[in-house]
PDB file of all heavy atoms in Angstrom:
ATOM      1  N   GLN A   1    -184.133  58.666 220.702  1.00  0.00           N
ATOM      2  CA  GLN A   1    -185.076  59.358 221.577  1.00  0.00           C
ATOM      3  C   GLN A   1    -185.155  58.709 222.954  1.00  0.00           C
ATOM      4  O   GLN A   1    -185.590  59.326 223.918  1.00  0.00           O
ATOM      5  CB  GLN A   1    -186.453  59.366 220.913  1.00  0.00           C
ATOM      6  CG  GLN A   1    -187.459  60.306 221.535  1.00  0.00           C
ATOM      7  CD  GLN A   1    -188.771  60.316 220.754  1.00  0.00           C
ATOM      8  OE1 GLN A   1    -188.916  59.638 219.752  1.00  0.00           O
ATOM      9  NE2 GLN A   1    -189.733  61.079 221.226  1.00  0.00           N
ATOM     10  N   ASN A   2    -184.754  57.441 223.028  1.00  0.00           N
ATOM     11  CA  ASN A   2    -184.755  56.687 224.287  1.00  0.00           C
ATOM     12  C   ASN A   2    -186.161  56.493 224.839  1.00  0.00           C
ATOM     13  O   ASN A   2    -186.409  56.657 226.034  1.00  0.00           O
ATOM     14  CB  ASN A   2    -183.873  57.359 225.344  1.00  0.00           C
ATOM     15  CG  ASN A   2    -183.575  56.424 226.514  1.00  0.00           C
ATOM     16  OD1 ASN A   2    -183.694  55.212 226.391  1.00  0.00           O
ATOM     17  ND2 ASN A   2    -183.214  56.997 227.654  1.00  0.00           N
ATOM     18  N   VAL A   3    -187.084  56.142 223.965  1.00  0.00           N
ATOM     19  CA  VAL A   3    -188.439  55.829 224.403  1.00  0.00           C
ATOM     20  C   VAL A   3    -188.953  54.640 223.601  1.00  0.00           C
ATOM     21  O   VAL A   3    -188.504  54.374 222.486  1.00  0.00           O
ATOM     22  CB  VAL A   3    -189.421  57.010 224.211  1.00  0.00           C
ATOM     23  CG1 VAL A   3    -189.023  58.189 225.067  1.00  0.00           C
ATOM     24  CG2 VAL A   3    -189.536  57.402 222.754  1.00  0.00           C
ATOM     25  N   GLU A   4    -189.870  53.924 224.214  1.00  0.00           N
ATOM     26  CA  GLU A   4    -190.631  52.919 223.488  1.00  0.00           C
ATOM     27  C   GLU A   4    -191.834  53.625 222.891  1.00  0.00           C
ATOM     28  O   GLU A   4    -192.691  54.129 223.617  1.00  0.00           O
ATOM     29  CB  GLU A   4    -191.072  51.795 224.436  1.00  0.00           C
ATOM     30  CG  GLU A   4    -189.933  50.998 225.031  1.00  0.00           C
ATOM     31  CD  GLU A   4    -189.279  50.054 224.035  1.00  0.00           C
ATOM     32  OE1 GLU A   4    -189.773  49.972 222.892  1.00  0.00           O
ATOM     33  OE2 GLU A   4    -188.290  49.406 224.400  1.00  0.00           O
ATOM     34  N   ARG A   5    -191.907  53.713 221.583  1.00  0.00           N
ATOM     35  CA  ARG A   5    -192.933  54.539 220.954  1.00  0.00           C
ATOM     36  C   ARG A   5    -194.338  54.034 221.202  1.00  0.00           C
ATOM     37  O   ARG A   5    -195.299  54.792 221.107  1.00  0.00           O
ATOM     38  CB  ARG A   5    -192.690  54.595 219.441  1.00  0.00           C
ATOM     39  CG  ARG A   5    -191.489  55.409 219.060  1.00  0.00           C
ATOM     40  CD  ARG A   5    -191.652  55.814 217.627  1.00  0.00           C
ATOM     41  NE  ARG A   5    -190.395  56.211 217.032  1.00  0.00           N
ATOM     42  CZ  ARG A   5    -190.225  56.313 215.730  1.00  0.00           C
ATOM     43  NH1 ARG A   5    -191.211  56.037 214.922  1.00  0.00           N
ATOM     44  NH2 ARG A   5    -189.074  56.699 215.232  1.00  0.00           N
ATOM     45  N   GLU A   6    -194.475  52.743 221.501  1.00  0.00           N
ATOM     46  CA  GLU A   6    -195.832  52.232 221.678  1.00  0.00           C
ATOM     47  C   GLU A   6    -196.398  52.589 223.040  1.00  0.00           C
ATOM     48  O   GLU A   6    -197.537  52.256 223.350  1.00  0.00           O
ATOM     49  CB  GLU A   6    -195.857  50.713 221.490  1.00  0.00           C
ATOM     50  CG  GLU A   6    -194.947  49.951 222.446  1.00  0.00           C
ATOM     51  CD  GLU A   6    -193.575  49.714 221.843  1.00  0.00           C
ATOM     52  OE1 GLU A   6    -193.127  50.540 221.041  1.00  0.00           O
ATOM     53  OE2 GLU A   6    -192.950  48.690 222.170  1.00  0.00           O
ATOM     54  N   ASP A   7    -195.632  53.271 223.867  1.00  0.00           N
ATOM     55  CA  ASP A   7    -196.108  53.687 225.185  1.00  0.00           C
ATOM     56  C   ASP A   7    -196.448  55.169 225.169  1.00  0.00           C
ATOM     57  O   ASP A   7    -195.788  55.965 224.508  1.00  0.00           O
ATOM     58  CB  ASP A   7    -195.048  53.418 226.250  1.00  0.00           C
ATOM     59  CG  ASP A   7    -194.809  51.932 226.440  1.00  0.00           C
ATOM     60  OD1 ASP A   7    -195.794  51.191 226.503  1.00  0.00           O
ATOM     61  OD2 ASP A   7    -193.640  51.518 226.511  1.00  0.00           O
ATOM     62  N   ASP A   8    -197.472  55.532 225.922  1.00  0.00           N
ATOM     63  CA  ASP A   8    -197.899  56.916 226.037  1.00  0.00           C
ATOM     64  C   ASP A   8    -197.691  57.404 227.463  1.00  0.00           C
ATOM     65  O   ASP A   8    -197.675  56.611 228.402  1.00  0.00           O
ATOM     66  CB  ASP A   8    -199.376  57.056 225.672  1.00  0.00           C
ATOM     67  CG  ASP A   8    -199.586  57.086 224.162  1.00  0.00           C
ATOM     68  OD1 ASP A   8    -198.599  57.294 223.445  1.00  0.00           O
ATOM     69  OD2 ASP A   8    -200.733  56.892 223.727  1.00  0.00           O
ATOM     70  N   PRO A   9    -197.551  58.722 227.642  1.00  0.00           N
ATOM     71  CA  PRO A   9    -197.460  59.261 228.996  1.00  0.00           C
ATOM     72  C   PRO A   9    -198.727  58.900 229.773  1.00  0.00           C
ATOM     73  O   PRO A   9    -199.806  58.814 229.198  1.00  0.00           O
ATOM     74  CB  PRO A   9    -197.361  60.774 228.773  1.00  0.00           C
ATOM     75  CG  PRO A   9    -196.901  60.925 227.368  1.00  0.00           C
ATOM     76  CD  PRO A   9    -197.448  59.761 226.622  1.00  0.00           C
ATOM     77  N   PRO A  10    -198.646  58.689 231.109  1.00  0.00           N
ATOM     78  CA  PRO A  10    -197.425  58.842 231.909  1.00  0.00           C
ATOM     79  C   PRO A  10    -196.527  57.611 231.925  1.00  0.00           C
ATOM     80  O   PRO A  10    -195.498  57.621 232.558  1.00  0.00           O
ATOM     81  CB  PRO A  10    -197.998  59.107 233.300  1.00  0.00           C
ATOM     82  CG  PRO A  10    -199.268  58.313 233.324  1.00  0.00           C
ATOM     83  CD  PRO A  10    -199.823  58.402 231.930  1.00  0.00           C
ATOM     84  N   ARG A  11    -196.933  56.549 231.225  1.00  0.00           N
ATOM     85  CA  ARG A  11    -196.120  55.335 231.223  1.00  0.00           C
ATOM     86  C   ARG A  11    -195.177  55.395 230.020  1.00  0.00           C
ATOM     87  O   ARG A  11    -195.549  55.027 228.918  1.00  0.00           O
ATOM     88  CB  ARG A  11    -197.014  54.100 231.123  1.00  0.00           C
ATOM     89  CG  ARG A  11    -196.273  52.779 231.143  1.00  0.00           C
ATOM     90  CD  ARG A  11    -197.268  51.611 231.115  1.00  0.00           C
ATOM     91  NE  ARG A  11    -196.598  50.323 231.107  1.00  0.00           N
ATOM     92  CZ  ARG A  11    -196.258  49.672 230.003  1.00  0.00           C
ATOM     93  NH1 ARG A  11    -196.533  50.208 228.826  1.00  0.00           N
ATOM     94  NH2 ARG A  11    -195.655  48.501 230.055  1.00  0.00           N
ATOM     95  N   VAL A  12    -193.971  55.880 230.235  1.00  0.00           N
ATOM     96  CA  VAL A  12    -192.999  56.022 229.160  1.00  0.00           C
ATOM     97  C   VAL A  12    -191.784  55.176 229.504  1.00  0.00           C
ATOM     98  O   VAL A  12    -191.055  55.468 230.458  1.00  0.00           O
ATOM     99  CB  VAL A  12    -192.584  57.498 228.967  1.00  0.00           C
ATOM    100  CG1 VAL A  12    -191.567  57.601 227.850  1.00  0.00           C
ATOM    101  CG2 VAL A  12    -193.802  58.349 228.660  1.00  0.00           C
ATOM    102  N   LEU A  13    -191.581  54.110 228.771  1.00  0.00           N
ATOM    103  CA  LEU A  13    -190.454  53.216 229.023  1.00  0.00           C
ATOM    104  C   LEU A  13    -189.232  53.694 228.252  1.00  0.00           C
ATOM    105  O   LEU A  13    -189.336  54.118 227.107  1.00  0.00           O
ATOM    106  CB  LEU A  13    -190.811  51.787 228.610  1.00  0.00           C
ATOM    107  CG  LEU A  13    -191.992  51.144 229.346  1.00  0.00           C
ATOM    108  CD1 LEU A  13    -192.204  49.719 228.840  1.00  0.00           C
ATOM    109  CD2 LEU A  13    -191.737  51.135 230.847  1.00  0.00           C
ATOM    110  N   GLN A  14    -188.083  53.602 228.884  1.00  0.00           N
ATOM    111  CA  GLN A  14    -186.835  53.981 228.253  1.00  0.00           C
ATOM    112  C   GLN A  14    -186.100  52.751 227.758  1.00  0.00           C
ATOM    113  O   GLN A  14    -186.205  51.665 228.324  1.00  0.00           O
ATOM    114  CB  GLN A  14    -185.957  54.769 229.230  1.00  0.00           C
ATOM    115  CG  GLN A  14    -186.549  56.118 229.626  1.00  0.00           C
ATOM    116  CD  GLN A  14    -185.603  56.918 230.485  1.00  0.00           C
ATOM    117  OE1 GLN A  14    -184.934  56.391 231.360  1.00  0.00           O
ATOM    118  NE2 GLN A  14    -185.535  58.226 230.224  1.00  0.00           N
ATOM    119  N   ARG A  15    -185.342  52.939 226.696  1.00  0.00           N
ATOM    120  CA  ARG A  15    -184.590  51.834 226.104  1.00  0.00           C
ATOM    121  C   ARG A  15    -183.218  51.668 226.741  1.00  0.00           C
ATOM    122  O   ARG A  15    -182.654  50.586 226.703  1.00  0.00           O
ATOM    123  CB  ARG A  15    -184.427  52.067 224.593  1.00  0.00           C
ATOM    124  CG  ARG A  15    -185.728  51.941 223.812  1.00  0.00           C
ATOM    125  CD  ARG A  15    -185.545  52.342 222.364  1.00  0.00           C
ATOM    126  NE  ARG A  15    -186.749  52.041 221.593  1.00  0.00           N
ATOM    127  CZ  ARG A  15    -186.907  50.951 220.839  1.00  0.00           C
ATOM    128  NH1 ARG A  15    -185.942  50.063 220.764  1.00  0.00           N
ATOM    129  NH2 ARG A  15    -188.020  50.752 220.166  1.00  0.00           N
ATOM    130  N   TRP A  16    -182.648  52.733 227.260  1.00  0.00           N
ATOM    131  CA  TRP A  16    -181.317  52.652 227.844  1.00  0.00           C
ATOM    132  C   TRP A  16    -181.193  53.628 229.000  1.00  0.00           C
ATOM    133  O   TRP A  16    -181.975  54.573 229.125  1.00  0.00           O
ATOM    134  CB  TRP A  16    -180.230  52.914 226.792  1.00  0.00           C
ATOM    135  CG  TRP A  16    -180.512  54.004 225.807  1.00  0.00           C
ATOM    136  CD1 TRP A  16    -181.126  53.880 224.596  1.00  0.00           C
ATOM    137  CD2 TRP A  16    -180.206  55.398 225.953  1.00  0.00           C
ATOM    138  NE1 TRP A  16    -181.226  55.098 223.971  1.00  0.00           N
ATOM    139  CE2 TRP A  16    -180.667  56.053 224.778  1.00  0.00           C
ATOM    140  CE3 TRP A  16    -179.588  56.165 226.939  1.00  0.00           C
ATOM    141  CZ2 TRP A  16    -180.519  57.421 224.578  1.00  0.00           C
ATOM    142  CZ3 TRP A  16    -179.436  57.534 226.738  1.00  0.00           C
ATOM    143  CH2 TRP A  16    -179.895  58.143 225.564  1.00  0.00           C
ATOM    144  N   ASP A  17    -180.232  53.368 229.888  1.00  0.00           N
ATOM    145  CA  ASP A  17    -180.018  54.173 231.073  1.00  0.00           C
ATOM    146  C   ASP A  17    -179.213  55.414 230.699  1.00  0.00           C
ATOM    147  O   ASP A  17    -178.024  55.323 230.381  1.00  0.00           O
ATOM    148  CB  ASP A  17    -179.273  53.345 232.132  1.00  0.00           C
ATOM    149  CG  ASP A  17    -179.107  54.098 233.454  1.00  0.00           C
ATOM    150  OD1 ASP A  17    -179.404  55.302 233.505  1.00  0.00           O
ATOM    151  OD2 ASP A  17    -178.673  53.453 234.430  1.00  0.00           O
ATOM    152  N   ALA A  18    -179.859  56.567 230.733  1.00  0.00           N
ATOM    153  CA  ALA A  18    -179.209  57.798 230.293  1.00  0.00           C
ATOM    154  C   ALA A  18    -178.053  58.208 231.189  1.00  0.00           C
ATOM    155  O   ALA A  18    -177.223  59.026 230.785  1.00  0.00           O
ATOM    156  CB  ALA A  18    -180.242  58.930 230.233  1.00  0.00           C
ATOM    157  N   THR A  19    -177.970  57.662 232.404  1.00  0.00           N
ATOM    158  CA  THR A  19    -176.853  58.007 233.292  1.00  0.00           C
ATOM    159  C   THR A  19    -175.600  57.199 232.979  1.00  0.00           C
ATOM    160  O   THR A  19    -174.521  57.512 233.492  1.00  0.00           O
ATOM    161  CB  THR A  19    -177.244  57.772 234.764  1.00  0.00           C
ATOM    162  OG1 THR A  19    -177.489  56.368 234.973  1.00  0.00           O
ATOM    163  CG2 THR A  19    -178.489  58.567 235.118  1.00  0.00           C
ATOM    164  N   ARG A  20    -175.740  56.179 232.138  1.00  0.00           N
ATOM    165  CA  ARG A  20    -174.605  55.293 231.885  1.00  0.00           C
ATOM    166  C   ARG A  20    -174.189  55.213 230.425  1.00  0.00           C
ATOM    167  O   ARG A  20    -173.056  54.840 230.118  1.00  0.00           O
ATOM    168  CB  ARG A  20    -174.933  53.873 232.376  1.00  0.00           C
ATOM    169  CG  ARG A  20    -175.196  53.776 233.864  1.00  0.00           C
ATOM    170  CD  ARG A  20    -175.418  52.328 234.282  1.00  0.00           C
ATOM    171  NE  ARG A  20    -175.633  52.208 235.727  1.00  0.00           N
ATOM    172  CZ  ARG A  20    -175.796  51.052 236.354  1.00  0.00           C
ATOM    173  NH1 ARG A  20    -175.792  49.908 235.660  1.00  0.00           N
ATOM    174  NH2 ARG A  20    -175.986  51.033 237.654  1.00  0.00           N
ATOM    175  N   THR A  21    -175.089  55.543 229.525  1.00  0.00           N
ATOM    176  CA  THR A  21    -174.763  55.350 228.110  1.00  0.00           C
ATOM    177  C   THR A  21    -175.506  56.400 227.286  1.00  0.00           C
ATOM    178  O   THR A  21    -176.102  57.325 227.807  1.00  0.00           O
ATOM    179  CB  THR A  21    -175.132  53.919 227.663  1.00  0.00           C
ATOM    180  OG1 THR A  21    -174.683  53.707 226.327  1.00  0.00           O
ATOM    181  CG2 THR A  21    -176.626  53.680 227.740  1.00  0.00           C
ATOM    182  N   ASN A  22    -175.465  56.251 225.966  1.00  0.00           N
ATOM    183  CA  ASN A  22    -176.204  57.149 225.085  1.00  0.00           C
ATOM    184  C   ASN A  22    -176.777  56.347 223.925  1.00  0.00           C
ATOM    185  O   ASN A  22    -176.545  55.136 223.815  1.00  0.00           O
ATOM    186  CB  ASN A  22    -175.306  58.286 224.590  1.00  0.00           C
ATOM    187  CG  ASN A  22    -174.091  57.790 223.838  1.00  0.00           C
ATOM    188  OD1 ASN A  22    -174.199  56.990 222.900  1.00  0.00           O
ATOM    189  ND2 ASN A  22    -172.914  58.260 224.218  1.00  0.00           N
ATOM    190  N   GLY A  23    -177.512  57.017 223.050  1.00  0.00           N
ATOM    191  CA  GLY A  23    -178.214  56.321 221.983  1.00  0.00           C
ATOM    192  C   GLY A  23    -177.296  55.594 221.022  1.00  0.00           C
ATOM    193  O   GLY A  23    -177.577  54.466 220.599  1.00  0.00           O
ATOM    194  N   LEU A  24    -176.174  56.213 220.652  1.00  0.00           N
ATOM    195  CA  LEU A  24    -175.272  55.578 219.699  1.00  0.00           C
ATOM    196  C   LEU A  24    -174.610  54.348 220.296  1.00  0.00           C
ATOM    197  O   LEU A  24    -174.461  53.319 219.620  1.00  0.00           O
ATOM    198  CB  LEU A  24    -174.223  56.589 219.234  1.00  0.00           C
ATOM    199  CG  LEU A  24    -174.729  57.649 218.262  1.00  0.00           C
ATOM    200  CD1 LEU A  24    -173.654  58.684 217.990  1.00  0.00           C
ATOM    201  CD2 LEU A  24    -175.199  57.021 216.963  1.00  0.00           C
ATOM    202  N   VAL A  25    -174.204  54.438 221.555  1.00  0.00           N
ATOM    203  CA  VAL A  25    -173.602  53.267 222.204  1.00  0.00           C
ATOM    204  C   VAL A  25    -174.632  52.148 222.323  1.00  0.00           C
ATOM    205  O   VAL A  25    -174.318  50.970 222.098  1.00  0.00           O
ATOM    206  CB  VAL A  25    -173.038  53.651 223.587  1.00  0.00           C
ATOM    207  CG1 VAL A  25    -172.597  52.406 224.354  1.00  0.00           C
ATOM    208  CG2 VAL A  25    -171.876  54.624 223.437  1.00  0.00           C
ATOM    209  N   HIS A  26    -175.868  52.503 222.658  1.00  0.00           N
ATOM    210  CA  HIS A  26    -176.921  51.493 222.750  1.00  0.00           C
ATOM    211  C   HIS A  26    -177.156  50.840 221.391  1.00  0.00           C
ATOM    212  O   HIS A  26    -177.331  49.618 221.310  1.00  0.00           O
ATOM    213  CB  HIS A  26    -178.205  52.139 223.253  1.00  0.00           C
ATOM    214  CG  HIS A  26    -179.372  51.199 223.339  1.00  0.00           C
ATOM    215  ND1 HIS A  26    -179.495  50.248 224.322  1.00  0.00           N
ATOM    216  CD2 HIS A  26    -180.466  51.052 222.533  1.00  0.00           C
ATOM    217  CE1 HIS A  26    -180.611  49.559 224.131  1.00  0.00           C
ATOM    218  NE2 HIS A  26    -181.215  50.025 223.055  1.00  0.00           N
ATOM    219  N   LEU A  27    -177.153  51.651 220.325  1.00  0.00           N
ATOM    220  CA  LEU A  27    -177.319  51.096 218.979  1.00  0.00           C
ATOM    221  C   LEU A  27    -176.202  50.106 218.667  1.00  0.00           C
ATOM    222  O   LEU A  27    -176.458  48.993 218.170  1.00  0.00           O
ATOM    223  CB  LEU A  27    -177.331  52.218 217.949  1.00  0.00           C
ATOM    224  CG  LEU A  27    -177.377  51.796 216.484  1.00  0.00           C
ATOM    225  CD1 LEU A  27    -178.712  51.139 216.156  1.00  0.00           C
ATOM    226  CD2 LEU A  27    -177.131  52.974 215.561  1.00  0.00           C
ATOM    227  N   GLU A  28    -174.963  50.474 218.958  1.00  0.00           N
ATOM    228  CA  GLU A  28    -173.833  49.588 218.690  1.00  0.00           C
ATOM    229  C   GLU A  28    -173.949  48.304 219.507  1.00  0.00           C
ATOM    230  O   GLU A  28    -173.643  47.203 219.011  1.00  0.00           O
ATOM    231  CB  GLU A  28    -172.533  50.316 219.003  1.00  0.00           C
ATOM    232  CG  GLU A  28    -172.253  51.478 218.047  1.00  0.00           C
ATOM    233  CD  GLU A  28    -171.104  52.354 218.518  1.00  0.00           C
ATOM    234  OE1 GLU A  28    -170.587  52.104 219.633  1.00  0.00           O
ATOM    235  OE2 GLU A  28    -170.738  53.297 217.791  1.00  0.00           O
ATOM    236  N   THR A  29    -174.426  48.426 220.748  1.00  0.00           N
ATOM    237  CA  THR A  29    -174.600  47.235 221.597  1.00  0.00           C
ATOM    238  C   THR A  29    -175.660  46.314 221.028  1.00  0.00           C
ATOM    239  O   THR A  29    -175.481  45.088 220.977  1.00  0.00           O
ATOM    240  CB  THR A  29    -174.980  47.665 223.020  1.00  0.00           C
ATOM    241  OG1 THR A  29    -173.959  48.520 223.543  1.00  0.00           O
ATOM    242  CG2 THR A  29    -175.137  46.452 223.928  1.00  0.00           C
ATOM    243  N   ARG A  30    -176.768  46.883 220.579  1.00  0.00           N
ATOM    244  CA  ARG A  30    -177.829  46.069 219.992  1.00  0.00           C
ATOM    245  C   ARG A  30    -177.377  45.393 218.704  1.00  0.00           C
ATOM    246  O   ARG A  30    -177.715  44.237 218.434  1.00  0.00           O
ATOM    247  CB  ARG A  30    -179.052  46.943 219.724  1.00  0.00           C
ATOM    248  CG  ARG A  30    -179.844  47.338 220.955  1.00  0.00           C
ATOM    249  CD  ARG A  30    -180.672  46.173 221.500  1.00  0.00           C
ATOM    250  NE  ARG A  30    -181.559  45.625 220.498  1.00  0.00           N
ATOM    251  CZ  ARG A  30    -182.811  46.045 220.295  1.00  0.00           C
ATOM    252  NH1 ARG A  30    -183.292  47.046 221.015  1.00  0.00           N
ATOM    253  NH2 ARG A  30    -183.572  45.476 219.375  1.00  0.00           N
ATOM    254  N   LEU A  31    -176.627  46.111 217.881  1.00  0.00           N
ATOM    255  CA  LEU A  31    -176.133  45.510 216.638  1.00  0.00           C
ATOM    256  C   LEU A  31    -175.177  44.366 216.936  1.00  0.00           C
ATOM    257  O   LEU A  31    -175.194  43.329 216.251  1.00  0.00           O
ATOM    258  CB  LEU A  31    -175.451  46.582 215.785  1.00  0.00           C
ATOM    259  CG  LEU A  31    -176.385  47.637 215.169  1.00  0.00           C
ATOM    260  CD1 LEU A  31    -175.574  48.732 214.489  1.00  0.00           C
ATOM    261  CD2 LEU A  31    -177.337  47.001 214.169  1.00  0.00           C
ATOM    262  N   ALA A  32    -174.347  44.542 217.950  1.00  0.00           N
ATOM    263  CA  ALA A  32    -173.425  43.464 218.326  1.00  0.00           C
ATOM    264  C   ALA A  32    -174.199  42.246 218.822  1.00  0.00           C
ATOM    265  O   ALA A  32    -173.841  41.099 218.527  1.00  0.00           O
ATOM    266  CB  ALA A  32    -172.451  43.958 219.395  1.00  0.00           C
ATOM    267  N   ALA A  33    -175.296  42.485 219.574  1.00  0.00           N
ATOM    268  CA  ALA A  33    -176.103  41.375 220.078  1.00  0.00           C
ATOM    269  C   ALA A  33    -176.802  40.626 218.957  1.00  0.00           C
ATOM    270  O   ALA A  33    -177.128  39.445 219.097  1.00  0.00           O
ATOM    271  CB  ALA A  33    -177.138  41.902 221.076  1.00  0.00           C
ATOM    272  N   ALA A  34    -177.014  41.295 217.820  1.00  0.00           N
ATOM    273  CA  ALA A  34    -177.684  40.653 216.678  1.00  0.00           C
ATOM    274  C   ALA A  34    -176.759  39.707 215.934  1.00  0.00           C
ATOM    275  O   ALA A  34    -177.204  39.000 215.028  1.00  0.00           O
ATOM    276  CB  ALA A  34    -178.225  41.715 215.731  1.00  0.00           C
ATOM    277  N   GLY A  35    -175.464  39.729 216.259  1.00  0.00           N
ATOM    278  CA  GLY A  35    -174.541  38.784 215.656  1.00  0.00           C
ATOM    279  C   GLY A  35    -173.879  39.305 214.393  1.00  0.00           C
ATOM    280  O   GLY A  35    -174.020  40.465 214.008  1.00  0.00           O
ATOM    281  N   ASP A  36    -173.136  38.429 213.761  1.00  0.00           N
ATOM    282  CA  ASP A  36    -172.391  38.770 212.545  1.00  0.00           C
ATOM    283  C   ASP A  36    -173.353  38.799 211.362  1.00  0.00           C
ATOM    284  O   ASP A  36    -173.631  37.775 210.737  1.00  0.00           O
ATOM    285  CB  ASP A  36    -171.270  37.758 212.301  1.00  0.00           C
ATOM    286  CG  ASP A  36    -170.238  37.757 213.420  1.00  0.00           C
ATOM    287  OD1 ASP A  36    -170.145  38.793 214.110  1.00  0.00           O
ATOM    288  OD2 ASP A  36    -169.551  36.743 213.614  1.00  0.00           O
ATOM    289  N   ALA A  37    -173.853  39.973 211.075  1.00  0.00           N
ATOM    290  CA  ALA A  37    -174.854  40.096 210.014  1.00  0.00           C
ATOM    291  C   ALA A  37    -174.688  41.433 209.327  1.00  0.00           C
ATOM    292  O   ALA A  37    -174.144  42.394 209.890  1.00  0.00           O
ATOM    293  CB  ALA A  37    -176.265  39.980 210.603  1.00  0.00           C
ATOM    294  N   ALA A  38    -175.141  41.479 208.107  1.00  0.00           N
ATOM    295  CA  ALA A  38    -175.164  42.750 207.373  1.00  0.00           C
ATOM    296  C   ALA A  38    -176.219  43.661 207.994  1.00  0.00           C
ATOM    297  O   ALA A  38    -177.259  43.215 208.471  1.00  0.00           O
ATOM    298  CB  ALA A  38    -175.481  42.498 205.913  1.00  0.00           C
ATOM    299  N   ILE A  39    -175.928  44.962 207.994  1.00  0.00           N
ATOM    300  CA  ILE A  39    -176.892  45.949 208.486  1.00  0.00           C
ATOM    301  C   ILE A  39    -177.647  46.518 207.290  1.00  0.00           C
ATOM    302  O   ILE A  39    -177.031  46.985 206.332  1.00  0.00           O
ATOM    303  CB  ILE A  39    -176.203  47.099 209.234  1.00  0.00           C
ATOM    304  CG1 ILE A  39    -175.345  46.565 210.386  1.00  0.00           C
ATOM    305  CG2 ILE A  39    -177.238  48.075 209.770  1.00  0.00           C
ATOM    306  CD1 ILE A  39    -174.540  47.642 211.075  1.00  0.00           C
ATOM    307  N   VAL A  40    -178.955  46.476 207.345  1.00  0.00           N
ATOM    308  CA  VAL A  40    -179.790  47.048 206.298  1.00  0.00           C
ATOM    309  C   VAL A  40    -180.438  48.307 206.855  1.00  0.00           C
ATOM    310  O   VAL A  40    -181.322  48.246 207.717  1.00  0.00           O
ATOM    311  CB  VAL A  40    -180.855  46.050 205.822  1.00  0.00           C
ATOM    312  CG1 VAL A  40    -181.747  46.695 204.770  1.00  0.00           C
ATOM    313  CG2 VAL A  40    -180.204  44.791 205.275  1.00  0.00           C
ATOM    314  N   TRP A  41    -179.941  49.462 206.399  1.00  0.00           N
ATOM    315  CA  TRP A  41    -180.515  50.742 206.810  1.00  0.00           C
ATOM    316  C   TRP A  41    -181.651  51.046 205.842  1.00  0.00           C
ATOM    317  O   TRP A  41    -181.411  51.284 204.662  1.00  0.00           O
ATOM    318  CB  TRP A  41    -179.466  51.849 206.744  1.00  0.00           C
ATOM    319  CG  TRP A  41    -178.144  51.508 207.358  1.00  0.00           C
ATOM    320  CD1 TRP A  41    -177.103  50.878 206.742  1.00  0.00           C
ATOM    321  CD2 TRP A  41    -177.698  51.785 208.696  1.00  0.00           C
ATOM    322  NE1 TRP A  41    -176.050  50.744 207.604  1.00  0.00           N
ATOM    323  CE2 TRP A  41    -176.380  51.297 208.813  1.00  0.00           C
ATOM    324  CE3 TRP A  41    -178.292  52.416 209.792  1.00  0.00           C
ATOM    325  CZ2 TRP A  41    -175.645  51.411 209.985  1.00  0.00           C
ATOM    326  CZ3 TRP A  41    -177.565  52.526 210.962  1.00  0.00           C
ATOM    327  CH2 TRP A  41    -176.267  52.033 211.055  1.00  0.00           C
ATOM    328  N   GLU A  42    -182.891  51.010 206.331  1.00  0.00           N
ATOM    329  CA  GLU A  42    -184.028  51.160 205.427  1.00  0.00           C
ATOM    330  C   GLU A  42    -184.671  52.530 205.596  1.00  0.00           C
ATOM    331  O   GLU A  42    -185.053  52.930 206.703  1.00  0.00           O
ATOM    332  CB  GLU A  42    -185.071  50.074 205.655  1.00  0.00           C
ATOM    333  CG  GLU A  42    -186.263  50.244 204.721  1.00  0.00           C
ATOM    334  CD  GLU A  42    -187.049  48.963 204.521  1.00  0.00           C
ATOM    335  OE1 GLU A  42    -186.436  47.878 204.472  1.00  0.00           O
ATOM    336  OE2 GLU A  42    -188.277  49.059 204.407  1.00  0.00           O
TER     337      GLU A  42
END
């Protein structure tokens, strides 16, 4: 969704730059930053 859920309008923070990337690429980037670890999809 590219939003920080704890924020309400009009202050809506985005997690990634929509002009440069997308949600799946951002997810892959975050997982890579977390290091060599198992992914637990809960």
